[in-house]
Amino acid sequence: MTSGDVTEVTTGECTDLYYVDTGMYDVDEYGAVYLLDDDEPALVDTGIGTHYDRVLDLLEHAGVDPGDLAHIVPTHVHLDHAGGAGFLAAECENATVAVHPKGARHLVDPSRLWAGTRNAVGDQFEFYTEPEPVPEDRVRELEDGDVIDLGTHELHAHHAPGHAPHQHVLHDPANDAVFTADAAGIYVPAIDEVRETSPPPQFDLEQALSDVETIATLDPSTLLYAHFGAQPTADRLSRYEARLTDWVAAVERAQQELGDDDAVVEHFVDATEMDAVWGGRKAAAETAMNVRGVLRYLDAQRDE
C-alpha cells in the first residue's frame, strides 16, 4: 500500500471493514484508520490530522456520507491516533467521539497534549498539525467494559494502559478481531515483523505485557494494527511479548554499560535496521523515542 490507498479487510472472518493508509510521517504502511460500515458507521482512530482528508476519502470509498458517520473512536489520545478527531468531528457533524475518560479532556482542550507531543516525538513533530478541539457535548467517555453498538458489529472496550493510561483495545466479536491500538506493537508489513513501541512518558513494561495477555484472552483470529494493517493473529502476540521483554532488557544493559542516557539513545539509533523500511529519518526518530520511553520507565522503577 501507499499513502491514500484504501483496502477492504477480508482477513479471517472480517466483513464491513476498510482502512486507509494515512501516509503518517510521509511513510507508507505506518498509519492506518479503520472504518466499520454498519447501521451506525464508526471510525477507529483518526490519524494525526495532517491528512484527515484521506480519512474522508475512506468514507467516500465505502459509500458513507460524513453526515451518516455515527462514531469516532480514538483508541487513545496520542496524536497519531486522535490528532484528527476535531477535524473529523467538524466534517461529520452527527458523530459522537468516544474515548477513555482519562483522555476526554484532552480532546476538548488539546493544548497540553499538543505541548506534550512536542517533547515526546522529537524530530517527528514537524509532521503534526495542531489539533482542533472536539465540542464537549460531542464527547462520550468510554469506560472499561463499555460497548458501542453499531448494528451487526459491536466495539467492546478493554482498558490497556501499558502504552498510555487512556488506551483501550477494541474487540469486534462479529469479525473475531481486535483493534490493537499500540498494545500489540507495530506490525511492519515489509518485513512481516512486529516491532516495539515504548514512548515516554507513560510506558510501563509489566502493564504492557498484561495488555498483550488481555488481547490473547479475547482470542481473536485477526489483529487490526493501527501501525499497520490487518493480520491473522497466529503467534504474533507471543512474539511481541518476547520482543518487548528483550527490548527493555537491551536498553537496561546499554544504560549500565554506557552510563549516559544520550549515549544509550545514540547507540540504538546507530544500530537500527529500520532505516531500510521507513527511511533513515523516521527510523532514527522512532528508535530514539522508544529508547527514551524505556529509560524513563527504568528510572521510575529505581525510584520506587
Protein backbone atom coordinates (compact mmCIF):
# COMPACT_ATOMS: atom_id res chain seq x y z
CA MET A 1 0.00 0.00 0.00
CA THR A 2 0.94 3.63 -0.43
CA SER A 3 -0.35 6.81 1.14
CA GLY A 4 -4.05 7.36 0.50
CA ASP A 5 -4.80 3.78 -0.56
CA VAL A 6 -7.96 2.20 0.85
CA THR A 7 -8.15 -1.54 1.49
CA GLU A 8 -11.14 -3.74 2.33
CA VAL A 9 -10.29 -6.17 5.11
CA THR A 10 -11.09 -9.78 4.25
CA THR A 11 -8.69 -11.39 6.72
CA GLY A 12 -10.24 -14.16 8.81
CA GLU A 13 -13.94 -13.51 9.42
CA CYS A 14 -13.82 -9.77 8.77
CA THR A 15 -16.58 -8.05 6.83
CA ASP A 16 -17.80 -4.45 6.51
CA LEU A 17 -14.31 -3.23 7.35
CA TYR A 18 -11.93 -0.92 5.49
CA TYR A 19 -8.79 1.02 6.27
CA VAL A 20 -6.78 3.82 4.71
CA ASP A 21 -3.05 4.39 4.70
CA THR A 22 -2.85 7.95 6.05
CA GLY A 23 0.77 8.44 4.96
CA MET A 24 1.74 9.31 8.52
CA TYR A 25 5.22 10.87 8.77
CA ASP A 26 5.43 10.61 4.96
CA VAL A 27 5.93 6.85 5.41
CA ASP A 28 3.88 4.22 3.59
CA GLU A 29 2.33 1.41 5.64
CA TYR A 30 2.78 3.06 9.01
CA GLY A 31 -0.51 4.74 9.99
CA ALA A 32 -3.99 3.26 9.45
CA VAL A 33 -7.50 4.49 10.21
CA TYR A 34 -10.30 1.91 10.12
CA LEU A 35 -13.98 2.18 9.15
CA LEU A 36 -16.67 -0.26 10.19
CA ASP A 37 -19.57 0.24 7.76
CA ASP A 38 -22.69 -0.73 9.69
CA ASP A 39 -26.07 0.70 10.66
CA GLU A 40 -24.10 3.18 12.76
CA PRO A 41 -20.76 3.51 10.95
CA ALA A 42 -17.66 4.03 13.08
CA LEU A 43 -14.10 5.18 12.56
CA VAL A 44 -11.46 3.62 14.79
CA ASP A 45 -8.60 6.10 15.26
CA THR A 46 -8.19 9.29 13.25
CA GLY A 47 -4.53 9.73 12.34
CA ILE A 48 -2.54 12.84 13.22
CA GLY A 49 -4.89 15.26 11.49
CA THR A 50 -2.36 16.38 8.87
CA HIS A 51 -4.05 14.32 6.16
CA TYR A 52 -7.56 13.96 7.57
CA ASP A 53 -8.83 14.40 4.01
CA ARG A 54 -7.60 10.85 3.38
CA VAL A 55 -9.95 9.64 6.11
CA LEU A 56 -12.80 11.44 4.35
CA ASP A 57 -11.72 9.62 1.17
CA LEU A 58 -12.06 6.37 3.15
CA LEU A 59 -15.68 7.25 3.94
CA GLU A 60 -16.34 8.09 0.30
CA HIS A 61 -14.77 4.83 -0.86
CA ALA A 62 -17.13 2.86 1.39
CA GLY A 63 -20.15 4.95 0.40
CA VAL A 64 -20.60 6.50 3.85
CA ASP A 65 -21.71 10.13 3.83
CA PRO A 66 -19.88 12.16 6.51
CA GLY A 67 -23.26 13.17 7.94
CA ASP A 68 -24.10 9.49 8.48
CA LEU A 69 -20.96 8.65 10.46
CA ALA A 70 -22.14 7.84 13.99
CA HIS A 71 -18.95 7.21 15.95
CA ILE A 72 -15.34 8.35 16.00
CA VAL A 73 -13.38 6.13 18.39
CA PRO A 74 -9.74 7.03 19.08
CA THR A 75 -8.12 4.07 20.83
CA HIS A 76 -6.15 6.62 22.88
CA VAL A 77 -5.35 10.32 22.68
CA HIS A 78 -1.75 10.24 21.48
CA LEU A 79 -1.94 12.49 18.46
CA ASP A 80 -1.00 9.80 15.95
CA HIS A 81 -4.32 8.18 16.93
CA ALA A 82 -6.50 11.15 17.93
CA GLY A 83 -4.98 14.21 16.28
CA GLY A 84 -7.64 14.21 13.57
CA ALA A 85 -10.61 13.90 15.93
CA GLY A 86 -11.52 17.59 15.96
CA PHE A 87 -11.17 17.97 12.20
CA LEU A 88 -13.28 14.88 11.54
CA ALA A 89 -15.91 15.82 14.15
CA ALA A 90 -16.37 19.13 12.32
CA GLU A 91 -16.84 17.34 8.99
CA CYS A 92 -19.00 14.54 10.45
CA GLU A 93 -21.39 16.65 12.46
CA ASN A 94 -23.54 13.79 13.78
CA ALA A 95 -20.70 11.63 15.08
CA THR A 96 -20.01 11.09 18.76
CA VAL A 97 -16.34 10.91 19.76
CA ALA A 98 -15.82 8.05 22.25
CA VAL A 99 -12.61 7.86 24.27
CA HIS A 100 -11.27 6.72 27.64
CA PRO A 101 -12.25 9.13 30.46
CA LYS A 102 -8.59 10.00 31.10
CA GLY A 103 -8.30 11.20 27.52
CA ALA A 104 -11.62 13.01 27.13
CA ARG A 105 -10.49 16.38 28.48
CA HIS A 106 -7.53 16.37 26.10
CA LEU A 107 -9.87 16.18 23.11
CA VAL A 108 -11.93 19.08 24.42
CA ASP A 109 -8.80 21.12 25.19
CA PRO A 110 -5.82 19.66 23.31
CA SER A 111 -3.31 22.33 24.39
CA ARG A 112 -1.46 20.17 26.93
CA LEU A 113 -1.49 17.22 24.57
CA TRP A 114 -0.02 19.40 21.84
CA ALA A 115 2.79 20.59 24.11
CA GLY A 116 3.49 17.09 25.40
CA THR A 117 3.66 15.69 21.89
CA ARG A 118 6.43 18.13 21.01
CA ASN A 119 8.50 16.73 23.90
CA ALA A 120 7.72 13.09 23.15
CA VAL A 121 8.22 12.78 19.41
CA GLY A 122 11.29 14.95 18.88
CA ASP A 123 12.16 15.47 15.22
CA GLN A 124 8.88 13.94 14.08
CA PHE A 125 6.96 16.95 15.39
CA GLU A 126 7.09 18.79 12.07
CA PHE A 127 4.73 16.20 10.58
CA TYR A 128 1.97 17.11 13.02
CA THR A 129 -0.67 19.79 12.77
CA GLU A 130 -2.16 21.45 15.84
CA PRO A 131 -5.35 19.56 16.73
CA GLU A 132 -8.77 21.16 16.69
CA PRO A 133 -10.85 20.79 19.88
CA VAL A 134 -13.84 18.47 19.96
CA PRO A 135 -17.00 20.11 21.37
CA GLU A 136 -17.56 18.78 24.87
CA ASP A 137 -21.15 17.77 24.15
CA ARG A 138 -19.88 15.51 21.35
CA VAL A 139 -17.53 13.51 23.61
CA ARG A 140 -18.56 10.20 25.18
CA GLU A 141 -16.42 8.83 27.98
CA LEU A 142 -15.83 5.16 27.23
CA GLU A 143 -15.19 3.04 30.32
CA ASP A 144 -13.57 -0.37 30.51
CA GLY A 145 -16.23 -2.91 29.54
CA ASP A 146 -18.44 -0.44 27.70
CA VAL A 147 -19.91 -1.49 24.35
CA ILE A 148 -20.61 0.65 21.29
CA ASP A 149 -23.45 -0.98 19.34
CA LEU A 150 -23.09 -0.38 15.61
CA GLY A 151 -25.78 -2.83 14.45
CA THR A 152 -24.25 -6.06 13.19
CA HIS A 153 -20.98 -5.18 14.90
CA GLU A 154 -20.12 -4.08 18.42
CA LEU A 155 -16.99 -2.49 19.80
CA HIS A 156 -16.15 -3.79 23.27
CA ALA A 157 -13.69 -1.54 25.10
CA HIS A 158 -10.92 -3.15 27.16
CA HIS A 159 -8.61 -0.87 29.15
CA ALA A 160 -4.98 -1.40 28.11
CA PRO A 161 -2.87 1.17 29.99
CA GLY A 162 0.67 -0.14 29.44
CA HIS A 163 1.34 2.15 26.49
CA ALA A 164 -0.75 5.01 27.89
CA PRO A 165 -3.31 5.20 30.73
CA HIS A 166 -6.00 6.37 28.30
CA GLN A 167 -5.70 3.43 25.90
CA HIS A 168 -8.35 0.88 25.00
CA VAL A 169 -8.18 -2.09 22.71
CA LEU A 170 -11.49 -2.67 20.95
CA HIS A 171 -12.95 -6.13 20.36
CA ASP A 172 -15.33 -6.71 17.45
CA PRO A 173 -16.82 -10.16 18.16
CA ALA A 174 -18.68 -10.35 14.84
CA ASN A 175 -15.38 -10.03 13.00
CA ASP A 176 -13.48 -12.06 15.60
CA ALA A 177 -10.98 -9.22 15.54
CA VAL A 178 -9.30 -6.76 17.91
CA PHE A 179 -8.26 -3.21 17.12
CA THR A 180 -4.96 -3.37 18.94
CA ALA A 181 -4.14 0.35 19.33
CA ASP A 182 -0.45 0.23 20.36
CA ALA A 183 -0.89 -2.67 22.77
CA ALA A 184 0.38 -5.33 20.35
CA GLY A 185 3.28 -3.35 18.94
CA ILE A 186 3.95 -2.04 15.45
CA TYR A 187 3.42 -4.52 12.65
CA VAL A 188 5.74 -3.87 9.69
CA PRO A 189 4.31 -5.47 6.53
CA ALA A 190 7.52 -5.09 4.52
CA ILE A 191 9.37 -7.49 6.83
CA ASP A 192 6.41 -9.34 8.40
CA GLU A 193 7.68 -8.49 11.88
CA VAL A 194 6.30 -6.78 14.97
CA ARG A 195 8.42 -4.01 16.47
CA GLU A 196 8.29 -2.44 19.92
CA THR A 197 6.55 0.79 20.84
CA SER A 198 7.60 2.24 24.21
CA PRO A 199 7.29 6.02 24.08
CA PRO A 200 7.65 8.39 27.01
CA PRO A 201 6.31 9.37 29.39
CA GLN A 202 3.95 6.58 30.45
CA PHE A 203 5.28 3.31 29.05
CA ASP A 204 5.13 0.53 31.67
CA LEU A 205 6.60 -2.86 30.81
CA GLU A 206 4.64 -5.02 33.25
CA GLN A 207 1.35 -3.42 32.30
CA ALA A 208 2.21 -3.56 28.60
CA LEU A 209 2.78 -7.31 28.89
CA SER A 210 -0.52 -7.59 30.75
CA ASP A 211 -2.21 -5.76 27.87
CA VAL A 212 -0.90 -8.34 25.41
CA GLU A 213 -2.43 -11.01 27.64
CA THR A 214 -5.73 -9.10 27.60
CA ILE A 215 -5.80 -9.40 23.82
CA ALA A 216 -4.73 -13.04 23.95
CA THR A 217 -7.59 -13.82 26.33
CA LEU A 218 -10.04 -12.44 23.76
CA ASP A 219 -8.53 -14.99 21.34
CA PRO A 220 -9.19 -13.08 18.12
CA SER A 221 -8.40 -14.61 14.76
CA THR A 222 -7.43 -11.19 13.36
CA LEU A 223 -5.36 -8.32 14.74
CA LEU A 224 -6.12 -4.85 13.38
CA TYR A 225 -2.96 -2.81 13.88
CA ALA A 226 -3.11 0.97 13.83
CA HIS A 227 0.54 0.56 12.79
CA PHE A 228 -0.13 -1.18 10.35
CA GLY A 229 -2.89 -3.24 8.82
CA ALA A 230 -4.89 -6.44 9.33
CA GLN A 231 -3.10 -9.70 10.03
CA PRO A 232 -4.01 -13.20 11.25
CA THR A 233 -3.18 -13.44 14.93
CA ALA A 234 -1.13 -16.66 14.60
CA ASP A 235 1.81 -16.35 17.05
CA ARG A 236 2.17 -12.58 16.77
CA LEU A 237 1.14 -11.87 20.37
CA SER A 238 3.65 -14.24 21.92
CA ARG A 239 6.32 -12.91 19.56
CA TYR A 240 5.56 -9.38 20.69
CA GLU A 241 5.80 -10.32 24.37
CA ALA A 242 9.27 -11.72 23.73
CA ARG A 243 10.27 -8.74 21.60
CA LEU A 244 9.17 -6.21 24.20
CA THR A 245 10.85 -8.03 27.08
CA ASP A 246 14.11 -8.35 25.13
CA TRP A 247 13.94 -4.70 24.08
CA VAL A 248 13.69 -3.37 27.63
CA ALA A 249 16.46 -5.70 28.78
CA ALA A 250 18.72 -4.49 25.96
CA VAL A 251 18.17 -0.83 26.85
CA GLU A 252 18.84 -1.58 30.51
CA ARG A 253 22.13 -3.33 29.66
CA ALA A 254 23.20 -0.42 27.49
CA GLN A 255 22.39 2.04 30.24
CA GLN A 256 24.52 0.10 32.70
CA GLU A 257 27.41 -0.19 30.25
CA LEU A 258 27.40 3.33 28.83
CA GLY A 259 26.27 5.25 31.91
CA ASP A 260 24.83 8.14 29.92
CA ASP A 261 21.29 8.29 28.56
CA ASP A 262 22.21 10.31 25.48
CA ALA A 263 24.85 7.72 24.63
CA VAL A 264 22.26 4.97 25.02
CA VAL A 265 19.90 6.69 22.61
CA GLU A 266 22.72 7.22 20.11
CA HIS A 267 23.77 3.57 20.42
CA PHE A 268 20.36 2.25 19.42
CA VAL A 269 19.81 4.86 16.71
CA ASP A 270 23.10 3.83 15.13
CA ALA A 271 22.15 0.14 15.36
CA THR A 272 18.61 0.28 13.96
CA GLU A 273 17.89 -1.63 10.77
CA MET A 274 14.51 0.03 10.22
CA ASP A 275 16.00 2.74 8.03
CA ALA A 276 15.79 0.28 5.15
CA VAL A 277 11.99 0.20 5.63
CA TRP A 278 11.00 3.62 6.97
CA GLY A 279 13.92 5.71 5.78
CA GLY A 280 16.71 7.00 7.96
CA ARG A 281 14.90 9.96 9.43
CA LYS A 282 11.80 8.12 10.61
CA ALA A 283 13.77 5.10 11.82
CA ALA A 284 16.09 7.29 13.90
CA ALA A 285 13.25 9.32 15.42
CA GLU A 286 11.17 6.23 16.23
CA THR A 287 14.12 4.46 17.84
CA ALA A 288 15.14 7.48 19.90
CA MET A 289 11.58 7.95 21.16
CA ASN A 290 11.26 4.30 22.19
CA VAL A 291 14.62 4.31 23.96
CA ARG A 292 13.69 7.44 25.90
CA GLY A 293 10.44 5.78 26.99
CA VAL A 294 12.28 2.74 28.34
CA LEU A 295 14.89 4.88 30.11
CA ARG A 296 12.15 6.83 31.84
CA TYR A 297 10.45 3.57 32.85
CA LEU A 298 13.72 2.18 34.26
CA ASP A 299 14.36 5.37 36.22
CA ALA A 300 10.85 5.19 37.67
CA GLN A 301 11.40 1.57 38.69
CA ARG A 302 14.56 2.50 40.58
CA ASP A 303 12.81 5.37 42.35
CA GLU A 304 10.07 3.12 43.73
